[in-house]
PDB file of N, CA and C in Angstrom:
ATOM      1  N   MET A   1       8.495 -40.707  -3.195  1.00  0.00           N
ATOM      2  CA  MET A   1       9.444 -39.636  -2.958  1.00  0.00           C
ATOM      3  C   MET A   1       9.333 -38.551  -4.045  1.00  0.00           C
ATOM      4  N   LYS A   2       9.104 -38.964  -5.288  1.00  0.00           N
ATOM      5  CA  LYS A   2       8.927 -38.004  -6.353  1.00  0.00           C
ATOM      6  C   LYS A   2       7.683 -37.153  -6.115  1.00  0.00           C
ATOM      7  N   SER A   3       6.600 -37.751  -5.608  1.00  0.00           N
ATOM      8  CA  SER A   3       5.353 -37.040  -5.314  1.00  0.00           C
ATOM      9  C   SER A   3       5.580 -35.996  -4.246  1.00  0.00           C
ATOM     10  N   LEU A   4       6.415 -36.353  -3.227  1.00  0.00           N
ATOM     11  CA  LEU A   4       6.697 -35.402  -2.140  1.00  0.00           C
ATOM     12  C   LEU A   4       7.460 -34.197  -2.682  1.00  0.00           C
ATOM     13  N   ALA A   5       8.417 -34.397  -3.591  1.00  0.00           N
ATOM     14  CA  ALA A   5       9.197 -33.303  -4.176  1.00  0.00           C
ATOM     15  C   ALA A   5       8.274 -32.376  -4.967  1.00  0.00           C
ATOM     16  N   ILE A   6       7.322 -32.947  -5.708  1.00  0.00           N
ATOM     17  CA  ILE A   6       6.382 -32.148  -6.482  1.00  0.00           C
ATOM     18  C   ILE A   6       5.512 -31.336  -5.547  1.00  0.00           C
ATOM     19  N   THR A   7       5.031 -31.940  -4.462  1.00  0.00           N
ATOM     20  CA  THR A   7       4.178 -31.247  -3.525  1.00  0.00           C
ATOM     21  C   THR A   7       4.944 -30.097  -2.885  1.00  0.00           C
ATOM     22  N   VAL A   8       6.174 -30.316  -2.479  1.00  0.00           N
ATOM     23  CA  VAL A   8       6.999 -29.252  -1.858  1.00  0.00           C
ATOM     24  C   VAL A   8       7.204 -28.129  -2.873  1.00  0.00           C
ATOM     25  N   ALA A   9       7.492 -28.443  -4.135  1.00  0.00           N
ATOM     26  CA  ALA A   9       7.694 -27.412  -5.150  1.00  0.00           C
ATOM     27  C   ALA A   9       6.459 -26.600  -5.388  1.00  0.00           C
ATOM     28  N   LEU A  10       5.281 -27.236  -5.386  1.00  0.00           N
ATOM     29  CA  LEU A  10       4.021 -26.522  -5.563  1.00  0.00           C
ATOM     30  C   LEU A  10       3.739 -25.631  -4.370  1.00  0.00           C
ATOM     31  N   MET A  11       3.985 -26.116  -3.175  1.00  0.00           N
ATOM     32  CA  MET A  11       3.739 -25.286  -1.991  1.00  0.00           C
ATOM     33  C   MET A  11       4.678 -24.046  -1.982  1.00  0.00           C
ATOM     34  N   ALA A  12       5.919 -24.230  -2.346  1.00  0.00           N
ATOM     35  CA  ALA A  12       6.865 -23.120  -2.424  1.00  0.00           C
ATOM     36  C   ALA A  12       6.388 -22.073  -3.438  1.00  0.00           C
ATOM     37  N   ALA A  13       5.916 -22.502  -4.598  1.00  0.00           N
ATOM     38  CA  ALA A  13       5.431 -21.608  -5.607  1.00  0.00           C
ATOM     39  C   ALA A  13       4.199 -20.850  -5.130  1.00  0.00           C
ATOM     40  N   LEU A  14       3.288 -21.516  -4.413  1.00  0.00           N
ATOM     41  CA  LEU A  14       2.127 -20.868  -3.904  1.00  0.00           C
ATOM     42  C   LEU A  14       2.443 -19.801  -2.856  1.00  0.00           C
ATOM     43  N   VAL A  15       3.333 -20.127  -1.969  1.00  0.00           N
ATOM     44  CA  VAL A  15       3.738 -19.220  -0.906  1.00  0.00           C
ATOM     45  C   VAL A  15       4.426 -18.007  -1.529  1.00  0.00           C
ATOM     46  N   GLY A  16       5.295 -18.234  -2.473  1.00  0.00           N
ATOM     47  CA  GLY A  16       6.002 -17.131  -3.138  1.00  0.00           C
ATOM     48  C   GLY A  16       5.086 -16.213  -3.896  1.00  0.00           C
ATOM     49  N   SER A  17       4.052 -16.728  -4.485  1.00  0.00           N
ATOM     50  CA  SER A  17       3.116 -15.865  -5.241  1.00  0.00           C
ATOM     51  C   SER A  17       2.195 -15.139  -4.366  1.00  0.00           C
ATOM     52  N   ALA A  18       2.020 -15.588  -3.099  1.00  0.00           N
ATOM     53  CA  ALA A  18       1.078 -14.940  -2.170  1.00  0.00           C
ATOM     54  C   ALA A  18       1.656 -13.801  -1.426  1.00  0.00           C
ATOM     55  N   ALA A  19       2.977 -13.604  -1.448  1.00  0.00           N
ATOM     56  CA  ALA A  19       3.606 -12.494  -0.694  1.00  0.00           C
ATOM     57  C   ALA A  19       3.048 -11.108  -1.019  1.00  0.00           C
ATOM     58  N   PRO A  20       2.859 -10.768  -2.308  1.00  0.00           N
ATOM     59  CA  PRO A  20       2.300  -9.443  -2.566  1.00  0.00           C
ATOM     60  C   PRO A  20       0.905  -9.250  -2.013  1.00  0.00           C
ATOM     61  N   VAL A  21       0.125 -10.300  -1.962  1.00  0.00           N
ATOM     62  CA  VAL A  21      -1.237 -10.212  -1.364  1.00  0.00           C
ATOM     63  C   VAL A  21      -1.115  -9.893   0.141  1.00  0.00           C
ATOM     64  N   PHE A  22      -0.158 -10.554   0.795  1.00  0.00           N
ATOM     65  CA  PHE A  22       0.054 -10.284   2.215  1.00  0.00           C
ATOM     66  C   PHE A  22       0.478  -8.855   2.443  1.00  0.00           C
ATOM     67  N   ALA A  23       1.288  -8.330   1.576  1.00  0.00           N
ATOM     68  CA  ALA A  23       1.773  -6.943   1.715  1.00  0.00           C
ATOM     69  C   ALA A  23       0.588  -6.003   1.640  1.00  0.00           C
ATOM     70  N   ARG A  24      -0.296  -6.205   0.698  1.00  0.00           N
ATOM     71  CA  ARG A  24      -1.464  -5.326   0.556  1.00  0.00           C
ATOM     72  C   ARG A  24      -2.376  -5.463   1.794  1.00  0.00           C
ATOM     73  N   ASP A  25      -2.477  -6.675   2.305  1.00  0.00           N
ATOM     74  CA  ASP A  25      -3.298  -6.902   3.514  1.00  0.00           C
ATOM     75  C   ASP A  25      -2.709  -6.120   4.695  1.00  0.00           C
ATOM     76  N   ALA A  26      -1.375  -6.161   4.831  1.00  0.00           N
ATOM     77  CA  ALA A  26      -0.731  -5.420   5.909  1.00  0.00           C
ATOM     78  C   ALA A  26      -1.030  -3.925   5.791  1.00  0.00           C
ATOM     79  N   LEU A  27      -0.997  -3.401   4.579  1.00  0.00           N
ATOM     80  CA  LEU A  27      -1.302  -1.973   4.384  1.00  0.00           C
ATOM     81  C   LEU A  27      -2.749  -1.684   4.771  1.00  0.00           C
ATOM     82  N   ASP A  28      -3.672  -2.520   4.423  1.00  0.00           N
ATOM     83  CA  ASP A  28      -5.068  -2.297   4.786  1.00  0.00           C
ATOM     84  C   ASP A  28      -5.289  -2.384   6.291  1.00  0.00           C
ATOM     85  N   ARG A  29      -4.473  -3.158   6.993  1.00  0.00           N
ATOM     86  CA  ARG A  29      -4.633  -3.257   8.464  1.00  0.00           C
ATOM     87  C   ARG A  29      -4.018  -2.036   9.149  1.00  0.00           C
ATOM     88  N   ILE A  30      -2.930  -1.513   8.588  1.00  0.00           N
ATOM     89  CA  ILE A  30      -2.183  -0.417   9.216  1.00  0.00           C
ATOM     90  C   ILE A  30      -2.869   0.916   8.979  1.00  0.00           C
ATOM     91  N   ALA A  31      -3.405   1.112   7.774  1.00  0.00           N
ATOM     92  CA  ALA A  31      -4.084   2.340   7.435  1.00  0.00           C
ATOM     93  C   ALA A  31      -5.519   2.293   7.951  1.00  0.00           C
ATOM     94  N   THR A  32      -5.901   3.235   8.801  1.00  0.00           N
ATOM     95  CA  THR A  32      -7.256   3.206   9.344  1.00  0.00           C
ATOM     96  C   THR A  32      -8.302   3.663   8.338  1.00  0.00           C
ATOM     97  N   THR A  33      -7.879   4.554   7.419  1.00  0.00           N
ATOM     98  CA  THR A  33      -8.769   5.065   6.419  1.00  0.00           C
ATOM     99  C   THR A  33      -8.077   5.169   5.065  1.00  0.00           C
ATOM    100  N   THR A  34      -8.769   4.873   3.962  1.00  0.00           N
ATOM    101  CA  THR A  34      -8.269   5.094   2.681  1.00  0.00           C
ATOM    102  C   THR A  34      -9.261   5.964   1.950  1.00  0.00           C
ATOM    103  N   VAL A  35      -8.771   6.923   1.195  1.00  0.00           N
ATOM    104  CA  VAL A  35      -9.612   7.880   0.473  1.00  0.00           C
ATOM    105  C   VAL A  35      -9.195   7.892  -0.987  1.00  0.00           C
ATOM    106  N   LYS A  36     -10.131   7.603  -1.873  1.00  0.00           N
ATOM    107  CA  LYS A  36      -9.823   7.705  -3.317  1.00  0.00           C
ATOM    108  C   LYS A  36      -9.882   9.191  -3.683  1.00  0.00           C
ATOM    109  N   LEU A  37      -8.869   9.624  -4.453  1.00  0.00           N
ATOM    110  CA  LEU A  37      -8.753  11.044  -4.835  1.00  0.00           C
ATOM    111  C   LEU A  37      -9.165  11.204  -6.295  1.00  0.00           C
ATOM    112  N   GLN A  38      -9.502  12.435  -6.635  1.00  0.00           N
ATOM    113  CA  GLN A  38      -9.985  12.763  -8.001  1.00  0.00           C
ATOM    114  C   GLN A  38      -8.995  12.412  -9.066  1.00  0.00           C
ATOM    115  N   ASP A  39      -7.669  12.492  -8.816  1.00  0.00           N
ATOM    116  CA  ASP A  39      -6.709  12.244  -9.832  1.00  0.00           C
ATOM    117  C   ASP A  39      -6.378  10.719  -9.994  1.00  0.00           C
ATOM    118  N   GLY A  40      -7.142   9.899  -9.297  1.00  0.00           N
ATOM    119  CA  GLY A  40      -6.911   8.437  -9.427  1.00  0.00           C
ATOM    120  C   GLY A  40      -6.007   7.902  -8.403  1.00  0.00           C
ATOM    121  N   SER A  41      -5.412   8.745  -7.546  1.00  0.00           N
ATOM    122  CA  SER A  41      -4.525   8.292  -6.502  1.00  0.00           C
ATOM    123  C   SER A  41      -5.320   7.907  -5.233  1.00  0.00           C
ATOM    124  N   THR A  42      -4.614   7.397  -4.258  1.00  0.00           N
ATOM    125  CA  THR A  42      -5.261   6.956  -3.002  1.00  0.00           C
ATOM    126  C   THR A  42      -4.488   7.587  -1.847  1.00  0.00           C
ATOM    127  N   LEU A  43      -5.235   8.160  -0.893  1.00  0.00           N
ATOM    128  CA  LEU A  43      -4.657   8.709   0.295  1.00  0.00           C
ATOM    129  C   LEU A  43      -4.873   7.718   1.447  1.00  0.00           C
ATOM    130  N   TYR A  44      -3.792   7.391   2.150  1.00  0.00           N
ATOM    131  CA  TYR A  44      -3.855   6.464   3.297  1.00  0.00           C
ATOM    132  C   TYR A  44      -3.709   7.295   4.584  1.00  0.00           C
ATOM    133  N   ILE A  45      -4.563   7.084   5.526  1.00  0.00           N
ATOM    134  CA  ILE A  45      -4.430   7.788   6.807  1.00  0.00           C
ATOM    135  C   ILE A  45      -4.159   6.711   7.836  1.00  0.00           C
ATOM    136  N   PHE A  46      -3.006   6.816   8.492  1.00  0.00           N
ATOM    137  CA  PHE A  46      -2.553   5.801   9.491  1.00  0.00           C
ATOM    138  C   PHE A  46      -3.124   6.125  10.863  1.00  0.00           C
ATOM    139  N   LYS A  47      -2.980   5.166  11.779  1.00  0.00           N
ATOM    140  CA  LYS A  47      -3.532   5.283  13.128  1.00  0.00           C
ATOM    141  C   LYS A  47      -2.974   6.514  13.850  1.00  0.00           C
ATOM    142  N   ASP A  48      -1.784   6.913  13.563  1.00  0.00           N
ATOM    143  CA  ASP A  48      -1.165   8.057  14.251  1.00  0.00           C
ATOM    144  C   ASP A  48      -1.607   9.395  13.624  1.00  0.00           C
ATOM    145  N   GLY A  49      -2.485   9.354  12.613  1.00  0.00           N
ATOM    146  CA  GLY A  49      -2.975  10.583  11.969  1.00  0.00           C
ATOM    147  C   GLY A  49      -2.167  11.045  10.785  1.00  0.00           C
ATOM    148  N   LYS A  50      -0.986  10.497  10.594  1.00  0.00           N
ATOM    149  CA  LYS A  50      -0.143  10.835   9.464  1.00  0.00           C
ATOM    150  C   LYS A  50      -0.659  10.191   8.195  1.00  0.00           C
ATOM    151  N   MET A  51      -0.266  10.792   7.065  1.00  0.00           N
ATOM    152  CA  MET A  51      -0.830  10.356   5.788  1.00  0.00           C
ATOM    153  C   MET A  51       0.262  10.029   4.770  1.00  0.00           C
ATOM    154  N   ALA A  52      -0.144   9.221   3.805  1.00  0.00           N
ATOM    155  CA  ALA A  52       0.723   8.857   2.679  1.00  0.00           C
ATOM    156  C   ALA A  52      -0.138   8.745   1.421  1.00  0.00           C
ATOM    157  N   LYS A  53       0.450   8.993   0.242  1.00  0.00           N
ATOM    158  CA  LYS A  53      -0.304   8.999  -0.959  1.00  0.00           C
ATOM    159  C   LYS A  53       0.298   8.031  -1.964  1.00  0.00           C
ATOM    160  N   GLU A  54      -0.597   7.228  -2.564  1.00  0.00           N
ATOM    161  CA  GLU A  54      -0.183   6.272  -3.643  1.00  0.00           C
ATOM    162  C   GLU A  54      -0.749   6.821  -4.936  1.00  0.00           C
ATOM    163  N   ASP A  55       0.135   6.929  -5.968  1.00  0.00           N
ATOM    164  CA  ASP A  55      -0.402   7.452  -7.231  1.00  0.00           C
ATOM    165  C   ASP A  55      -1.208   6.411  -7.988  1.00  0.00           C
ATOM    166  N   ALA A  56      -1.770   6.741  -9.107  1.00  0.00           N
ATOM    167  CA  ALA A  56      -2.638   5.878  -9.876  1.00  0.00           C
ATOM    168  C   ALA A  56      -1.892   4.636 -10.388  1.00  0.00           C
ATOM    169  N   TYR A  57      -0.553   4.636 -10.396  1.00  0.00           N
ATOM    170  CA  TYR A  57       0.276   3.527 -10.862  1.00  0.00           C
ATOM    171  C   TYR A  57       0.754   2.664  -9.727  1.00  0.00           C
ATOM    172  N   GLY A  58       0.330   2.920  -8.520  1.00  0.00           N
ATOM    173  CA  GLY A  58       0.702   2.064  -7.375  1.00  0.00           C
ATOM    174  C   GLY A  58       2.036   2.425  -6.691  1.00  0.00           C
ATOM    175  N   ARG A  59       2.500   3.644  -6.923  1.00  0.00           N
ATOM    176  CA  ARG A  59       3.767   4.047  -6.331  1.00  0.00           C
ATOM    177  C   ARG A  59       3.524   5.051  -5.230  1.00  0.00           C
ATOM    178  N   ALA A  60       4.296   4.993  -4.156  1.00  0.00           N
ATOM    179  CA  ALA A  60       4.253   6.003  -3.108  1.00  0.00           C
ATOM    180  C   ALA A  60       4.816   7.310  -3.608  1.00  0.00           C
ATOM    181  N   VAL A  61       4.109   8.397  -3.382  1.00  0.00           N
ATOM    182  CA  VAL A  61       4.567   9.704  -3.805  1.00  0.00           C
ATOM    183  C   VAL A  61       4.617  10.647  -2.611  1.00  0.00           C
ATOM    184  N   THR A  62       5.459  11.672  -2.687  1.00  0.00           N
ATOM    185  CA  THR A  62       5.687  12.624  -1.618  1.00  0.00           C
ATOM    186  C   THR A  62       4.505  13.578  -1.466  1.00  0.00           C
ATOM    187  N   LEU A  63       4.097  13.815  -0.251  1.00  0.00           N
ATOM    188  CA  LEU A  63       3.095  14.802   0.084  1.00  0.00           C
ATOM    189  C   LEU A  63       3.831  16.113   0.440  1.00  0.00           C
ATOM    190  N   LYS A  64       3.365  17.190  -0.085  1.00  0.00           N
ATOM    191  CA  LYS A  64       3.974  18.489   0.279  1.00  0.00           C
ATOM    192  C   LYS A  64       3.352  19.025   1.523  1.00  0.00           C
ATOM    193  N   PRO A  65       4.106  19.746   2.355  1.00  0.00           N
ATOM    194  CA  PRO A  65       3.530  20.317   3.595  1.00  0.00           C
ATOM    195  C   PRO A  65       2.342  21.223   3.259  1.00  0.00           C
ATOM    196  N   GLY A  66       1.221  20.936   3.891  1.00  0.00           N
ATOM    197  CA  GLY A  66       0.006  21.737   3.759  1.00  0.00           C
ATOM    198  C   GLY A  66      -0.731  21.509   2.442  1.00  0.00           C
ATOM    199  N   GLU A  67      -0.308  20.529   1.690  1.00  0.00           N
ATOM    200  CA  GLU A  67      -0.984  20.185   0.418  1.00  0.00           C
ATOM    201  C   GLU A  67      -2.465  19.874   0.676  1.00  0.00           C
ATOM    202  N   VAL A  68      -3.335  20.418  -0.173  1.00  0.00           N
ATOM    203  CA  VAL A  68      -4.745  20.134  -0.074  1.00  0.00           C
ATOM    204  C   VAL A  68      -5.138  19.142  -1.161  1.00  0.00           C
ATOM    205  N   LEU A  69      -5.702  18.042  -0.767  1.00  0.00           N
ATOM    206  CA  LEU A  69      -6.078  16.961  -1.695  1.00  0.00           C
ATOM    207  C   LEU A  69      -7.570  16.965  -1.859  1.00  0.00           C
ATOM    208  N   THR A  70      -8.055  16.611  -3.055  1.00  0.00           N
ATOM    209  CA  THR A  70      -9.482  16.584  -3.301  1.00  0.00           C
ATOM    210  C   THR A  70      -9.938  15.125  -3.493  1.00  0.00           C
ATOM    211  N   ALA A  71     -10.872  14.680  -2.635  1.00  0.00           N
ATOM    212  CA  ALA A  71     -11.392  13.337  -2.713  1.00  0.00           C
ATOM    213  C   ALA A  71     -12.348  13.227  -3.901  1.00  0.00           C
ATOM    214  N   LYS A  72     -12.658  12.034  -4.351  1.00  0.00           N
ATOM    215  CA  LYS A  72     -13.589  11.832  -5.429  1.00  0.00           C
ATOM    216  C   LYS A  72     -14.943  12.447  -5.171  1.00  0.00           C
ATOM    217  N   ASP A  73     -15.332  12.469  -3.890  1.00  0.00           N
ATOM    218  CA  ASP A  73     -16.644  13.028  -3.562  1.00  0.00           C
ATOM    219  C   ASP A  73     -16.583  14.562  -3.365  1.00  0.00           C
ATOM    220  N   GLY A  74     -15.445  15.175  -3.634  1.00  0.00           N
ATOM    221  CA  GLY A  74     -15.296  16.610  -3.584  1.00  0.00           C
ATOM    222  C   GLY A  74     -14.781  17.162  -2.274  1.00  0.00           C
ATOM    223  N   ARG A  75     -14.627  16.347  -1.240  1.00  0.00           N
ATOM    224  CA  ARG A  75     -14.065  16.825   0.029  1.00  0.00           C
ATOM    225  C   ARG A  75     -12.656  17.285  -0.150  1.00  0.00           C
ATOM    226  N   GLN A  76     -12.318  18.351   0.571  1.00  0.00           N
ATOM    227  CA  GLN A  76     -10.949  18.858   0.631  1.00  0.00           C
ATOM    228  C   GLN A  76     -10.252  18.341   1.879  1.00  0.00           C
ATOM    229  N   ILE A  77      -9.062  17.737   1.692  1.00  0.00           N
ATOM    230  CA  ILE A  77      -8.356  17.159   2.827  1.00  0.00           C
ATOM    231  C   ILE A  77      -6.951  17.733   2.863  1.00  0.00           C
ATOM    232  N   LYS A  78      -6.577  18.302   3.977  1.00  0.00           N
ATOM    233  CA  LYS A  78      -5.208  18.868   4.130  1.00  0.00           C
ATOM    234  C   LYS A  78      -4.320  17.767   4.587  1.00  0.00           C
ATOM    235  N   ALA A  79      -3.194  17.588   3.864  1.00  0.00           N
ATOM    236  CA  ALA A  79      -2.231  16.541   4.182  1.00  0.00           C
ATOM    237  C   ALA A  79      -1.530  16.784   5.509  1.00  0.00           C
ATOM    238  N   VAL A  80      -1.393  15.721   6.291  1.00  0.00           N
ATOM    239  CA  VAL A  80      -0.682  15.757   7.559  1.00  0.00           C
ATOM    240  C   VAL A  80       0.475  14.746   7.484  1.00  0.00           C
ATOM    241  N   GLY A  81       1.669  15.228   7.579  1.00  0.00           N
ATOM    242  CA  GLY A  81       2.841  14.334   7.510  1.00  0.00           C
ATOM    243  C   GLY A  81       3.154  13.941   6.054  1.00  0.00           C
ATOM    244  N   ASN A  82       4.168  13.167   5.947  1.00  0.00           N
ATOM    245  CA  ASN A  82       4.594  12.643   4.642  1.00  0.00           C
ATOM    246  C   ASN A  82       5.197  11.261   4.879  1.00  0.00           C
ATOM    247  N   GLU A  83       4.322  10.271   4.958  1.00  0.00           N
ATOM    248  CA  GLU A  83       4.765   8.921   5.256  1.00  0.00           C
ATOM    249  C   GLU A  83       5.025   8.107   3.972  1.00  0.00           C
ATOM    250  N   SER A  84       5.648   8.766   2.980  1.00  0.00           N
ATOM    251  CA  SER A  84       5.921   8.058   1.713  1.00  0.00           C
ATOM    252  C   SER A  84       6.857   6.863   1.907  1.00  0.00           C
ATOM    253  N   ALA A  85       7.840   6.986   2.808  1.00  0.00           N
ATOM    254  CA  ALA A  85       8.768   5.870   3.066  1.00  0.00           C
ATOM    255  C   ALA A  85       8.009   4.684   3.682  1.00  0.00           C
ATOM    256  N   ARG A  86       7.125   4.946   4.630  1.00  0.00           N
ATOM    257  CA  ARG A  86       6.333   3.873   5.268  1.00  0.00           C
ATOM    258  C   ARG A  86       5.444   3.217   4.181  1.00  0.00           C
ATOM    259  N   LEU A  87       4.797   3.979   3.387  1.00  0.00           N
ATOM    260  CA  LEU A  87       3.901   3.436   2.354  1.00  0.00           C
ATOM    261  C   LEU A  87       4.764   2.627   1.353  1.00  0.00           C
ATOM    262  N   ASP A  88       5.874   3.178   0.911  1.00  0.00           N
ATOM    263  CA  ASP A  88       6.704   2.495  -0.037  1.00  0.00           C
ATOM    264  C   ASP A  88       7.135   1.083   0.468  1.00  0.00           C
ATOM    265  N   GLY A  89       7.478   1.027   1.740  1.00  0.00           N
ATOM    266  CA  GLY A  89       7.862  -0.233   2.331  1.00  0.00           C
ATOM    267  C   GLY A  89       6.689  -1.201   2.369  1.00  0.00           C
ATOM    268  N   LEU A  90       5.523  -0.748   2.643  1.00  0.00           N
ATOM    269  CA  LEU A  90       4.357  -1.608   2.651  1.00  0.00           C
ATOM    270  C   LEU A  90       3.959  -2.079   1.278  1.00  0.00           C
ATOM    271  N   LEU A  91       4.023  -1.167   0.303  1.00  0.00           N
ATOM    272  CA  LEU A  91       3.656  -1.518  -1.064  1.00  0.00           C
ATOM    273  C   LEU A  91       4.617  -2.502  -1.693  1.00  0.00           C
ATOM    274  N   ASN A  92       5.895  -2.395  -1.309  1.00  0.00           N
ATOM    275  CA  ASN A  92       6.930  -3.216  -1.955  1.00  0.00           C
ATOM    276  C   ASN A  92       7.342  -4.432  -1.106  1.00  0.00           C
ATOM    277  N   ASP A  93       6.737  -4.619  -0.004  1.00  0.00           N
ATOM    278  CA  ASP A  93       7.092  -5.780   0.880  1.00  0.00           C
ATOM    279  C   ASP A  93       6.865  -7.059   0.088  1.00  0.00           C
ATOM    280  N   GLY A  94       7.911  -7.878  -0.009  1.00  0.00           N
ATOM    281  CA  GLY A  94       7.828  -9.122  -0.739  1.00  0.00           C
ATOM    282  C   GLY A  94       8.195  -8.976  -2.172  1.00  0.00           C
ATOM    283  N   HIS A  95       8.407  -7.795  -2.684  1.00  0.00           N
ATOM    284  CA  HIS A  95       8.748  -7.625  -4.131  1.00  0.00           C
ATOM    285  C   HIS A  95      10.266  -7.416  -4.311  1.00  0.00           C
ATOM    286  N   ARG A  96      10.973  -7.141  -3.309  1.00  0.00           N
ATOM    287  CA  ARG A  96      12.385  -6.840  -3.400  1.00  0.00           C
ATOM    288  C   ARG A  96      13.194  -7.961  -2.753  1.00  0.00           C
ATOM    289  N   GLY A  97      14.432  -8.113  -3.228  1.00  0.00           N
ATOM    290  CA  GLY A  97      15.257  -9.070  -2.513  1.00  0.00           C
ATOM    291  C   GLY A  97      15.845 -10.029  -3.335  1.00  0.00           C
TER     292      GLY A  97
END
């Protein structure tokens, strides 16, 4: 019986620690394209064509209407939409509560 309790406790700890990994996996599945930007941030382009930006510290930041972003390779990308709330939910899934 003691062995069973230890096994259950270990399984609970493993599942709890894996939640952030699952959140990042969900983000990678939902965003069709990710683009690394020159300032160290990441631009996510979702299936519906709207975009969201994650800063270099892993936080969702607001995109300004018509903002032009520069990719690491020098491409200029005009922002479409501002899905910062969607990105924030995906980045923080499993971290709150």
